[in-house]
Amino acid sequence: MTRRTDYEVGYGKPPRHTRFKKGQPSPNPSGRPKREPTFIEEFEEELNALVEIQEGGRRRRYTKRRLIAKQMVNLAVKGDRTSLRLVQAIMTAIDAKAIEATEPMSDKERAAIDRAIFDTFAAMLETEKVEGPKVHEGEP
């Protein structure tokens, strides 16, 4: 049995007789299954989803993230104590990060700040055992 020396078999170089043949169906037609997204990835995707609302007689598109912030601030202005405490905590966190930042923030840094604010939010709600503000579909 003689071995051909013009083709080397090794890592990334399978023997020619075992390679996929042109025109033949793939042995794995559906491919590798996609991984399940994490809760944080799903949560962030949902926060970044666009919603169309009626505002001032005009239809406008906002992200859910922006609508949550808008509603939280509006409730705080109206005197809702829970919203007021949360808005104050967020403002404090934002101010602390703004003092540290000397250059424009990257998307990664902005996401880290958003996550820190969210964690502060969750910790406040958990320690005080306070129900968050009521959010109704369709309201800004």
N, C-alpha and C. Protein backbone atom coordinates (compact mmCIF):
# COMPACT_ATOMS: atom_id res chain seq x y z
N MET A 1 0.84 -1.17 0.00
CA MET A 1 0.00 0.00 0.00
C MET A 1 0.89 1.24 0.00
N THR A 2 0.77 2.04 -1.03
CA THR A 2 1.59 3.23 -1.13
C THR A 2 0.77 4.45 -0.72
N ARG A 3 1.41 5.34 -0.08
CA ARG A 3 0.75 6.55 0.37
C ARG A 3 1.15 7.70 -0.52
N ARG A 4 0.16 8.52 -0.93
CA ARG A 4 0.47 9.68 -1.78
C ARG A 4 1.05 10.78 -0.91
N THR A 5 2.09 11.42 -1.37
CA THR A 5 2.76 12.45 -0.59
C THR A 5 2.36 13.86 -0.99
N ASP A 6 1.50 14.00 -2.01
CA ASP A 6 1.13 15.34 -2.46
C ASP A 6 0.00 15.96 -1.62
N TYR A 7 -0.60 15.19 -0.72
CA TYR A 7 -1.68 15.71 0.12
C TYR A 7 -1.47 15.23 1.55
N GLU A 8 -1.40 16.19 2.47
CA GLU A 8 -1.17 15.86 3.86
C GLU A 8 -2.51 15.82 4.61
N VAL A 9 -2.75 14.80 5.38
CA VAL A 9 -3.95 14.67 6.20
C VAL A 9 -3.59 15.15 7.60
N GLY A 10 -4.45 15.98 8.17
CA GLY A 10 -4.20 16.48 9.52
C GLY A 10 -5.33 17.38 9.97
N TYR A 11 -5.08 18.19 10.99
CA TYR A 11 -6.09 19.07 11.54
C TYR A 11 -6.60 20.02 10.47
N GLY A 12 -7.90 20.01 10.21
CA GLY A 12 -8.50 20.88 9.20
C GLY A 12 -8.28 20.37 7.78
N LYS A 13 -7.67 19.21 7.63
CA LYS A 13 -7.41 18.65 6.30
C LYS A 13 -7.86 17.18 6.31
N PRO A 14 -9.17 16.93 6.17
CA PRO A 14 -9.65 15.54 6.20
C PRO A 14 -9.24 14.81 4.92
N PRO A 15 -9.23 13.49 4.99
CA PRO A 15 -8.91 12.72 3.77
C PRO A 15 -9.91 13.07 2.66
N ARG A 16 -9.45 13.08 1.44
CA ARG A 16 -10.30 13.50 0.32
C ARG A 16 -11.53 12.63 0.18
N HIS A 17 -11.43 11.35 0.43
CA HIS A 17 -12.56 10.45 0.22
C HIS A 17 -13.67 10.65 1.27
N THR A 18 -13.38 11.38 2.38
CA THR A 18 -14.41 11.60 3.41
C THR A 18 -15.02 13.00 3.34
N ARG A 19 -14.54 13.83 2.43
CA ARG A 19 -15.07 15.18 2.32
C ARG A 19 -16.48 15.17 1.75
N PHE A 20 -17.24 16.27 1.98
CA PHE A 20 -18.57 16.39 1.40
C PHE A 20 -18.42 16.46 -0.13
N LYS A 21 -19.27 15.75 -0.80
CA LYS A 21 -19.25 15.75 -2.27
C LYS A 21 -20.12 16.90 -2.77
N LYS A 22 -19.68 17.56 -3.83
CA LYS A 22 -20.46 18.67 -4.40
C LYS A 22 -21.78 18.14 -4.93
N GLY A 23 -22.85 18.91 -4.68
CA GLY A 23 -24.16 18.53 -5.18
C GLY A 23 -24.90 17.54 -4.29
N GLN A 24 -24.26 17.00 -3.29
CA GLN A 24 -24.90 16.05 -2.39
C GLN A 24 -25.52 16.81 -1.21
N PRO A 25 -26.61 16.29 -0.64
CA PRO A 25 -27.19 16.99 0.51
C PRO A 25 -26.26 16.93 1.72
N SER A 26 -26.33 17.96 2.52
CA SER A 26 -25.49 18.03 3.71
C SER A 26 -25.93 16.98 4.72
N PRO A 27 -24.98 16.39 5.44
CA PRO A 27 -25.37 15.42 6.46
C PRO A 27 -26.03 16.09 7.67
N ASN A 28 -25.94 17.41 7.79
CA ASN A 28 -26.55 18.13 8.90
C ASN A 28 -27.32 19.32 8.33
N PRO A 29 -28.49 19.09 7.70
CA PRO A 29 -29.17 20.16 6.99
C PRO A 29 -29.66 21.31 7.88
N SER A 30 -30.00 21.04 9.13
CA SER A 30 -30.50 22.13 9.97
C SER A 30 -29.38 22.85 10.69
N GLY A 31 -28.17 22.35 10.60
CA GLY A 31 -27.03 23.02 11.20
C GLY A 31 -27.01 22.89 12.70
N ARG A 32 -26.08 23.57 13.32
CA ARG A 32 -25.95 23.54 14.77
C ARG A 32 -27.09 24.34 15.38
N PRO A 33 -27.73 23.83 16.43
CA PRO A 33 -28.83 24.58 17.03
C PRO A 33 -28.32 25.85 17.71
N LYS A 34 -29.12 26.90 17.64
CA LYS A 34 -28.74 28.16 18.28
C LYS A 34 -28.87 28.02 19.78
N ARG A 35 -28.04 28.73 20.51
CA ARG A 35 -28.12 28.66 21.97
C ARG A 35 -29.29 29.50 22.45
N GLU A 36 -29.78 29.16 23.62
CA GLU A 36 -30.87 29.91 24.22
C GLU A 36 -30.32 31.25 24.71
N PRO A 37 -31.02 32.36 24.45
CA PRO A 37 -30.55 33.63 24.97
C PRO A 37 -30.71 33.67 26.49
N THR A 38 -29.82 34.41 27.16
CA THR A 38 -29.92 34.55 28.61
C THR A 38 -31.06 35.49 28.95
N PHE A 39 -31.46 35.49 30.21
CA PHE A 39 -32.54 36.37 30.64
C PHE A 39 -32.16 37.83 30.41
N ILE A 40 -30.92 38.17 30.70
CA ILE A 40 -30.48 39.57 30.53
C ILE A 40 -30.55 39.97 29.06
N GLU A 41 -30.15 39.06 28.15
CA GLU A 41 -30.22 39.37 26.72
C GLU A 41 -31.67 39.56 26.28
N GLU A 42 -32.57 38.70 26.75
CA GLU A 42 -33.98 38.84 26.41
C GLU A 42 -34.56 40.12 27.00
N PHE A 43 -34.18 40.43 28.23
CA PHE A 43 -34.67 41.63 28.91
C PHE A 43 -34.22 42.88 28.16
N GLU A 44 -32.93 42.92 27.80
CA GLU A 44 -32.41 44.08 27.07
C GLU A 44 -33.06 44.22 25.70
N GLU A 45 -33.30 43.08 25.03
CA GLU A 45 -33.96 43.13 23.73
C GLU A 45 -35.37 43.70 23.87
N GLU A 46 -36.06 43.27 24.91
CA GLU A 46 -37.42 43.77 25.14
C GLU A 46 -37.41 45.26 25.49
N LEU A 47 -36.43 45.71 26.27
CA LEU A 47 -36.33 47.14 26.60
C LEU A 47 -36.03 47.98 25.37
N ASN A 48 -35.31 47.41 24.41
CA ASN A 48 -34.94 48.16 23.21
C ASN A 48 -35.99 48.07 22.10
N ALA A 49 -37.06 47.31 22.33
CA ALA A 49 -38.12 47.18 21.33
C ALA A 49 -38.86 48.51 21.17
N LEU A 50 -39.23 48.83 19.94
CA LEU A 50 -39.93 50.08 19.66
C LEU A 50 -41.44 49.91 19.85
N VAL A 51 -42.05 50.94 20.42
CA VAL A 51 -43.49 50.96 20.65
C VAL A 51 -44.01 52.27 20.05
N GLU A 52 -45.14 52.19 19.38
CA GLU A 52 -45.75 53.39 18.81
C GLU A 52 -46.85 53.87 19.74
N ILE A 53 -46.79 55.16 20.13
CA ILE A 53 -47.80 55.71 21.03
C ILE A 53 -48.34 57.01 20.45
N GLN A 54 -49.47 57.43 20.98
CA GLN A 54 -50.08 58.71 20.60
C GLN A 54 -49.64 59.72 21.65
N GLU A 55 -48.98 60.78 21.23
CA GLU A 55 -48.51 61.80 22.16
C GLU A 55 -48.73 63.17 21.55
N GLY A 56 -49.54 63.98 22.20
CA GLY A 56 -49.79 65.32 21.68
C GLY A 56 -50.46 65.31 20.32
N GLY A 57 -51.31 64.33 20.08
CA GLY A 57 -52.02 64.24 18.80
C GLY A 57 -51.19 63.66 17.66
N ARG A 58 -49.96 63.28 17.95
CA ARG A 58 -49.11 62.70 16.92
C ARG A 58 -48.68 61.30 17.33
N ARG A 59 -48.45 60.45 16.35
CA ARG A 59 -47.95 59.11 16.63
C ARG A 59 -46.43 59.17 16.68
N ARG A 60 -45.89 58.67 17.77
CA ARG A 60 -44.44 58.68 17.95
C ARG A 60 -43.95 57.29 18.31
N ARG A 61 -42.69 57.02 17.95
CA ARG A 61 -42.09 55.71 18.26
C ARG A 61 -40.98 55.92 19.29
N TYR A 62 -41.08 55.16 20.37
CA TYR A 62 -40.09 55.21 21.43
C TYR A 62 -39.69 53.78 21.79
N THR A 63 -38.52 53.63 22.40
CA THR A 63 -38.16 52.34 22.96
C THR A 63 -38.90 52.18 24.29
N LYS A 64 -39.11 50.95 24.68
CA LYS A 64 -39.77 50.70 25.96
C LYS A 64 -38.91 51.23 27.10
N ARG A 65 -37.60 51.19 26.93
CA ARG A 65 -36.67 51.73 27.93
C ARG A 65 -36.97 53.21 28.17
N ARG A 66 -37.16 53.94 27.08
CA ARG A 66 -37.42 55.37 27.21
C ARG A 66 -38.80 55.62 27.83
N LEU A 67 -39.77 54.81 27.45
CA LEU A 67 -41.11 54.99 28.01
C LEU A 67 -41.13 54.70 29.51
N ILE A 68 -40.36 53.70 29.95
CA ILE A 68 -40.28 53.41 31.39
C ILE A 68 -39.67 54.59 32.12
N ALA A 69 -38.59 55.14 31.58
CA ALA A 69 -37.95 56.29 32.20
C ALA A 69 -38.90 57.48 32.24
N LYS A 70 -39.59 57.70 31.13
CA LYS A 70 -40.53 58.81 31.04
C LYS A 70 -41.65 58.67 32.08
N GLN A 71 -42.22 57.46 32.18
CA GLN A 71 -43.32 57.24 33.12
C GLN A 71 -42.83 57.35 34.56
N MET A 72 -41.62 56.83 34.83
CA MET A 72 -41.06 56.90 36.18
C MET A 72 -40.87 58.35 36.60
N VAL A 73 -40.32 59.17 35.72
CA VAL A 73 -40.11 60.58 36.04
C VAL A 73 -41.46 61.29 36.21
N ASN A 74 -42.42 61.00 35.32
CA ASN A 74 -43.74 61.63 35.44
C ASN A 74 -44.41 61.28 36.75
N LEU A 75 -44.32 60.02 37.18
CA LEU A 75 -44.90 59.61 38.46
C LEU A 75 -44.19 60.29 39.62
N ALA A 76 -42.87 60.43 39.52
CA ALA A 76 -42.12 61.11 40.58
C ALA A 76 -42.54 62.58 40.68
N VAL A 77 -42.74 63.22 39.54
CA VAL A 77 -43.17 64.63 39.52
C VAL A 77 -44.56 64.78 40.14
N LYS A 78 -45.41 63.77 39.91
CA LYS A 78 -46.77 63.81 40.47
C LYS A 78 -46.79 63.53 41.96
N GLY A 79 -45.67 63.07 42.53
CA GLY A 79 -45.61 62.86 43.97
C GLY A 79 -45.59 61.42 44.42
N ASP A 80 -45.50 60.45 43.50
CA ASP A 80 -45.43 59.05 43.88
C ASP A 80 -44.09 58.81 44.59
N ARG A 81 -44.16 58.44 45.88
CA ARG A 81 -42.94 58.34 46.70
C ARG A 81 -41.99 57.26 46.21
N THR A 82 -42.52 56.12 45.82
CA THR A 82 -41.65 55.04 45.34
C THR A 82 -40.89 55.49 44.10
N SER A 83 -41.61 56.09 43.16
CA SER A 83 -40.96 56.56 41.93
C SER A 83 -39.95 57.65 42.24
N LEU A 84 -40.28 58.51 43.18
CA LEU A 84 -39.37 59.60 43.55
C LEU A 84 -38.07 59.03 44.12
N ARG A 85 -38.17 58.03 45.01
CA ARG A 85 -36.96 57.42 45.57
C ARG A 85 -36.13 56.75 44.48
N LEU A 86 -36.80 56.05 43.59
CA LEU A 86 -36.08 55.36 42.51
C LEU A 86 -35.41 56.35 41.56
N VAL A 87 -36.11 57.42 41.22
CA VAL A 87 -35.53 58.44 40.33
C VAL A 87 -34.34 59.11 41.01
N GLN A 88 -34.45 59.38 42.31
CA GLN A 88 -33.32 59.96 43.04
C GLN A 88 -32.12 59.02 43.05
N ALA A 89 -32.37 57.73 43.26
CA ALA A 89 -31.28 56.75 43.27
C ALA A 89 -30.62 56.68 41.89
N ILE A 90 -31.43 56.70 40.85
CA ILE A 90 -30.89 56.66 39.49
C ILE A 90 -30.07 57.91 39.20
N MET A 91 -30.61 59.07 39.59
CA MET A 91 -29.88 60.32 39.36
C MET A 91 -28.54 60.32 40.10
N THR A 92 -28.52 59.80 41.33
CA THR A 92 -27.28 59.72 42.10
C THR A 92 -26.28 58.81 41.39
N ALA A 93 -26.75 57.64 40.91
CA ALA A 93 -25.86 56.72 40.20
C ALA A 93 -25.33 57.34 38.92
N ILE A 94 -26.20 58.02 38.19
CA ILE A 94 -25.77 58.67 36.94
C ILE A 94 -24.76 59.77 37.22
N ASP A 95 -25.01 60.59 38.26
CA ASP A 95 -24.08 61.66 38.61
C ASP A 95 -22.72 61.10 39.02
N ALA A 96 -22.72 60.00 39.79
CA ALA A 96 -21.45 59.40 40.22
C ALA A 96 -20.66 58.90 39.02
N LYS A 97 -21.34 58.28 38.07
CA LYS A 97 -20.65 57.78 36.87
C LYS A 97 -20.21 58.93 35.98
N ALA A 98 -20.98 60.01 35.93
CA ALA A 98 -20.63 61.15 35.09
C ALA A 98 -19.36 61.83 35.60
N ILE A 99 -19.21 61.86 36.91
CA ILE A 99 -18.01 62.46 37.49
C ILE A 99 -16.78 61.64 37.12
N GLU A 100 -16.93 60.29 37.13
CA GLU A 100 -15.82 59.41 36.80
C GLU A 100 -15.45 59.49 35.31
N ALA A 101 -16.44 59.72 34.48
CA ALA A 101 -16.22 59.67 33.02
C ALA A 101 -15.58 60.97 32.54
N THR A 102 -14.45 60.83 31.87
CA THR A 102 -13.81 62.00 31.29
C THR A 102 -13.89 61.95 29.77
N GLU A 103 -14.10 60.75 29.22
CA GLU A 103 -14.21 60.57 27.78
C GLU A 103 -15.61 60.09 27.45
N PRO A 104 -16.02 60.18 26.18
CA PRO A 104 -17.31 59.62 25.80
C PRO A 104 -17.36 58.12 26.11
N MET A 105 -18.53 57.66 26.54
CA MET A 105 -18.67 56.26 26.95
C MET A 105 -18.88 55.35 25.74
N SER A 106 -18.32 54.17 25.83
CA SER A 106 -18.55 53.15 24.81
C SER A 106 -19.88 52.46 25.12
N ASP A 107 -20.36 51.67 24.17
CA ASP A 107 -21.60 50.93 24.39
C ASP A 107 -21.47 49.97 25.55
N LYS A 108 -20.29 49.38 25.71
CA LYS A 108 -20.05 48.44 26.81
C LYS A 108 -20.15 49.16 28.16
N GLU A 109 -19.54 50.34 28.26
CA GLU A 109 -19.58 51.11 29.50
C GLU A 109 -21.01 51.56 29.80
N ARG A 110 -21.71 51.99 28.77
CA ARG A 110 -23.10 52.43 28.94
C ARG A 110 -23.97 51.26 29.43
N ALA A 111 -23.74 50.07 28.87
CA ALA A 111 -24.50 48.88 29.29
C ALA A 111 -24.18 48.53 30.74
N ALA A 112 -22.90 48.70 31.14
CA ALA A 112 -22.52 48.41 32.52
C ALA A 112 -23.21 49.38 33.48
N ILE A 113 -23.32 50.64 33.08
CA ILE A 113 -24.00 51.63 33.92
C ILE A 113 -25.49 51.29 34.00
N ASP A 114 -26.09 50.95 32.86
CA ASP A 114 -27.50 50.56 32.85
C ASP A 114 -27.73 49.37 33.78
N ARG A 115 -26.82 48.41 33.72
CA ARG A 115 -26.97 47.21 34.57
C ARG A 115 -26.83 47.59 36.04
N ALA A 116 -25.89 48.50 36.36
CA ALA A 116 -25.70 48.93 37.75
C ALA A 116 -26.95 49.65 38.26
N ILE A 117 -27.53 50.47 37.41
CA ILE A 117 -28.76 51.18 37.80
C ILE A 117 -29.89 50.18 38.01
N PHE A 118 -29.99 49.20 37.12
CA PHE A 118 -31.02 48.18 37.26
C PHE A 118 -30.83 47.40 38.56
N ASP A 119 -29.57 47.06 38.89
CA ASP A 119 -29.29 46.34 40.13
C ASP A 119 -29.66 47.18 41.36
N THR A 120 -29.38 48.48 41.30
CA THR A 120 -29.76 49.39 42.39
C THR A 120 -31.27 49.40 42.56
N PHE A 121 -31.93 49.50 41.44
CA PHE A 121 -33.40 49.44 41.39
C PHE A 121 -33.92 48.21 42.08
N ALA A 122 -33.42 47.06 41.67
CA ALA A 122 -33.89 45.76 42.19
C ALA A 122 -33.60 45.66 43.68
N ALA A 123 -32.43 46.11 44.10
CA ALA A 123 -32.07 46.05 45.51
C ALA A 123 -33.01 46.92 46.36
N MET A 124 -33.32 48.11 45.85
CA MET A 124 -34.24 49.00 46.59
C MET A 124 -35.61 48.36 46.73
N LEU A 125 -36.11 47.81 45.65
CA LEU A 125 -37.44 47.18 45.71
C LEU A 125 -37.44 45.98 46.63
N GLU A 126 -36.35 45.23 46.65
CA GLU A 126 -36.31 44.04 47.48
C GLU A 126 -36.16 44.39 48.95
N THR A 127 -35.32 45.37 49.29
CA THR A 127 -35.10 45.70 50.70
C THR A 127 -36.31 46.40 51.31
N GLU A 128 -36.99 47.20 50.53
CA GLU A 128 -38.14 47.93 51.06
C GLU A 128 -39.45 47.17 50.89
N LYS A 129 -39.39 46.06 50.13
CA LYS A 129 -40.60 45.27 49.86
C LYS A 129 -41.72 46.18 49.37
N VAL A 130 -41.38 47.04 48.41
CA VAL A 130 -42.33 48.01 47.86
C VAL A 130 -42.74 47.55 46.47
N GLU A 131 -44.02 47.67 46.16
CA GLU A 131 -44.49 47.34 44.82
C GLU A 131 -44.13 48.50 43.90
N GLY A 132 -43.64 48.19 42.74
CA GLY A 132 -43.28 49.23 41.78
C GLY A 132 -44.52 49.94 41.24
N PRO A 133 -44.30 51.04 40.52
CA PRO A 133 -45.45 51.77 39.95
C PRO A 133 -46.21 50.90 38.95
N LYS A 134 -47.49 51.12 38.87
CA LYS A 134 -48.33 50.36 37.95
C LYS A 134 -48.08 50.86 36.54
N VAL A 135 -47.78 49.94 35.62
CA VAL A 135 -47.55 50.29 34.23
C VAL A 135 -48.69 49.68 33.42
N HIS A 136 -49.39 50.50 32.67
CA HIS A 136 -50.49 50.02 31.86
C HIS A 136 -50.09 50.06 30.40
N GLU A 137 -50.45 49.02 29.66
CA GLU A 137 -50.15 48.98 28.23
C GLU A 137 -50.78 50.17 27.53
N GLY A 138 -50.05 50.78 26.64
CA GLY A 138 -50.59 51.88 25.84
C GLY A 138 -50.37 53.24 26.45
N GLU A 139 -50.03 53.32 27.74
CA GLU A 139 -49.79 54.62 28.38
C GLU A 139 -48.33 54.95 28.29
N PRO A 140 -47.99 56.24 28.13
CA PRO A 140 -46.58 56.62 28.09
C PRO A 140 -45.97 56.57 29.47
